[in-house]
Amino acid sequence: MLRFSIHYGLHFVIPLLLLVLLYRSQWKQLYIFFLLAMVIDLDHLLANPIFDPNRCSINFHPLHTYYAAIGYLTLVLPQKTRWLGIGLLWHLLTDQIDCWMQGWSL
């Protein structure tokens, strides 16, 4: 349960808190990009089973690969796509942290 809370806290709560603290005037618009980044989890639908709590998403699902991360990194460069790219990279970082926690007895 603790691992679940950490994982989804990193996906949803931490970005929200950081944006509210650092970007008070536009945090709502920026948070939408973090929420849109969750769309890459649609690639879980290609897996069997769709959800496996002991599976590391990184380099298993197509939109969770290091190659995809390079594409997300390029989205950070243009100002118009910067926040989407940051949201996607944050998503991958959160999933990577979850992979590291798999062996922990939380």
Protein backbone atom coordinates (compact mmCIF):
# COMPACT_ATOMS: atom_id res chain seq x y z
CA MET A 1 0.00 0.00 0.00
CA LEU A 2 2.88 2.37 0.75
CA ARG A 3 4.46 1.74 -2.65
CA PHE A 4 1.09 2.42 -4.32
CA SER A 5 0.75 5.69 -2.38
CA ILE A 6 4.27 6.80 -3.27
CA HIS A 7 3.81 5.93 -6.94
CA TYR A 8 0.52 7.76 -7.43
CA GLY A 9 1.58 10.57 -5.12
CA LEU A 10 4.53 11.18 -7.43
CA HIS A 11 2.24 11.06 -10.45
CA PHE A 12 -0.44 13.43 -9.15
CA VAL A 13 0.24 15.10 -5.79
CA ILE A 14 3.89 16.19 -5.99
CA PRO A 15 3.52 17.90 -9.39
CA LEU A 16 0.41 19.67 -8.13
CA LEU A 17 2.17 20.93 -5.00
CA LEU A 18 5.26 22.05 -6.92
CA LEU A 19 3.21 23.87 -9.54
CA VAL A 20 1.04 25.61 -6.95
CA LEU A 21 4.15 26.75 -5.07
CA LEU A 22 6.28 27.75 -8.06
CA TYR A 23 3.72 28.92 -10.63
CA ARG A 24 0.88 30.42 -8.60
CA SER A 25 -0.71 32.30 -11.48
CA GLN A 26 -0.74 29.46 -14.02
CA TRP A 27 -0.56 26.24 -12.02
CA LYS A 28 -3.96 25.02 -13.28
CA GLN A 29 -2.99 25.24 -16.93
CA LEU A 30 0.39 23.60 -16.29
CA TYR A 31 -1.11 20.79 -14.21
CA ILE A 32 -3.30 19.87 -17.18
CA PHE A 33 -0.11 18.95 -19.08
CA PHE A 34 0.91 16.61 -16.26
CA LEU A 35 -2.51 14.99 -16.41
CA LEU A 36 -2.29 14.70 -20.21
CA ALA A 37 1.02 12.88 -19.78
CA MET A 38 -0.93 10.01 -18.24
CA VAL A 39 -2.16 9.14 -21.74
CA ILE A 40 1.05 7.18 -22.31
CA ASP A 41 -0.37 4.58 -19.95
CA LEU A 42 -2.66 3.51 -22.78
CA ASP A 43 0.22 1.29 -23.90
CA HIS A 44 -0.57 -0.90 -20.90
CA LEU A 45 -3.57 -2.10 -22.89
CA LEU A 46 -1.15 -3.93 -25.20
CA ALA A 47 0.19 -6.08 -22.36
CA ASN A 48 -1.18 -9.34 -21.02
CA PRO A 49 -2.14 -9.01 -18.24
CA ILE A 50 -2.97 -5.32 -18.63
CA PHE A 51 -1.93 -4.61 -15.04
CA ASP A 52 0.79 -6.47 -13.19
CA PRO A 53 1.88 -4.78 -9.96
CA ASN A 54 5.25 -6.53 -10.11
CA ARG A 55 6.08 -5.55 -13.69
CA CYS A 56 8.44 -2.67 -14.38
CA SER A 57 6.86 -0.43 -17.02
CA ILE A 58 10.19 1.01 -18.13
CA ASN A 59 11.34 -0.66 -21.35
CA PHE A 60 8.39 -3.06 -21.24
CA HIS A 61 5.64 -0.86 -22.67
CA PRO A 62 6.38 0.94 -25.97
CA LEU A 63 5.66 4.46 -24.68
CA HIS A 64 7.76 3.80 -21.57
CA THR A 65 11.09 3.12 -23.32
CA TYR A 66 14.33 5.06 -23.32
CA TYR A 67 13.72 5.72 -27.03
CA ALA A 68 10.38 7.30 -26.19
CA ALA A 69 12.14 9.35 -23.49
CA ILE A 70 14.38 10.83 -26.17
CA GLY A 71 11.26 11.89 -28.06
CA TYR A 72 9.77 13.37 -24.89
CA LEU A 73 13.03 15.21 -24.29
CA THR A 74 12.74 16.84 -27.71
CA LEU A 75 9.29 18.11 -26.69
CA VAL A 76 10.95 20.11 -23.92
CA LEU A 77 12.88 22.22 -26.44
CA PRO A 78 10.04 24.19 -28.13
CA GLN A 79 8.21 26.47 -25.72
CA LYS A 80 4.78 25.35 -26.98
CA THR A 81 5.37 21.69 -26.03
CA ARG A 82 7.74 22.18 -23.10
CA TRP A 83 5.29 21.41 -20.30
CA LEU A 84 3.93 18.33 -22.05
CA GLY A 85 7.51 17.07 -22.46
CA ILE A 86 8.23 17.78 -18.80
CA GLY A 87 5.04 15.94 -17.82
CA LEU A 88 5.96 12.91 -19.91
CA LEU A 89 9.49 12.80 -18.52
CA TRP A 90 8.10 13.16 -14.98
CA HIS A 91 5.79 10.23 -15.72
CA LEU A 92 8.74 8.07 -16.79
CA LEU A 93 10.78 9.14 -13.76
CA THR A 94 7.88 8.23 -11.48
CA ASP A 95 7.56 4.82 -13.12
CA GLN A 96 11.33 4.29 -12.87
CA ILE A 97 11.20 5.04 -9.14
CA ASP A 98 8.41 2.48 -8.86
CA CYS A 99 10.66 -0.07 -10.59
CA TRP A 100 13.42 0.63 -8.09
CA MET A 101 10.96 0.13 -5.22
CA GLN A 102 9.84 -3.30 -6.47
CA GLY A 103 12.38 -5.13 -4.37
CA TRP A 104 11.64 -3.15 -1.24
CA SER A 105 9.41 -4.60 1.41
CA LEU A 106 7.11 -1.62 1.88
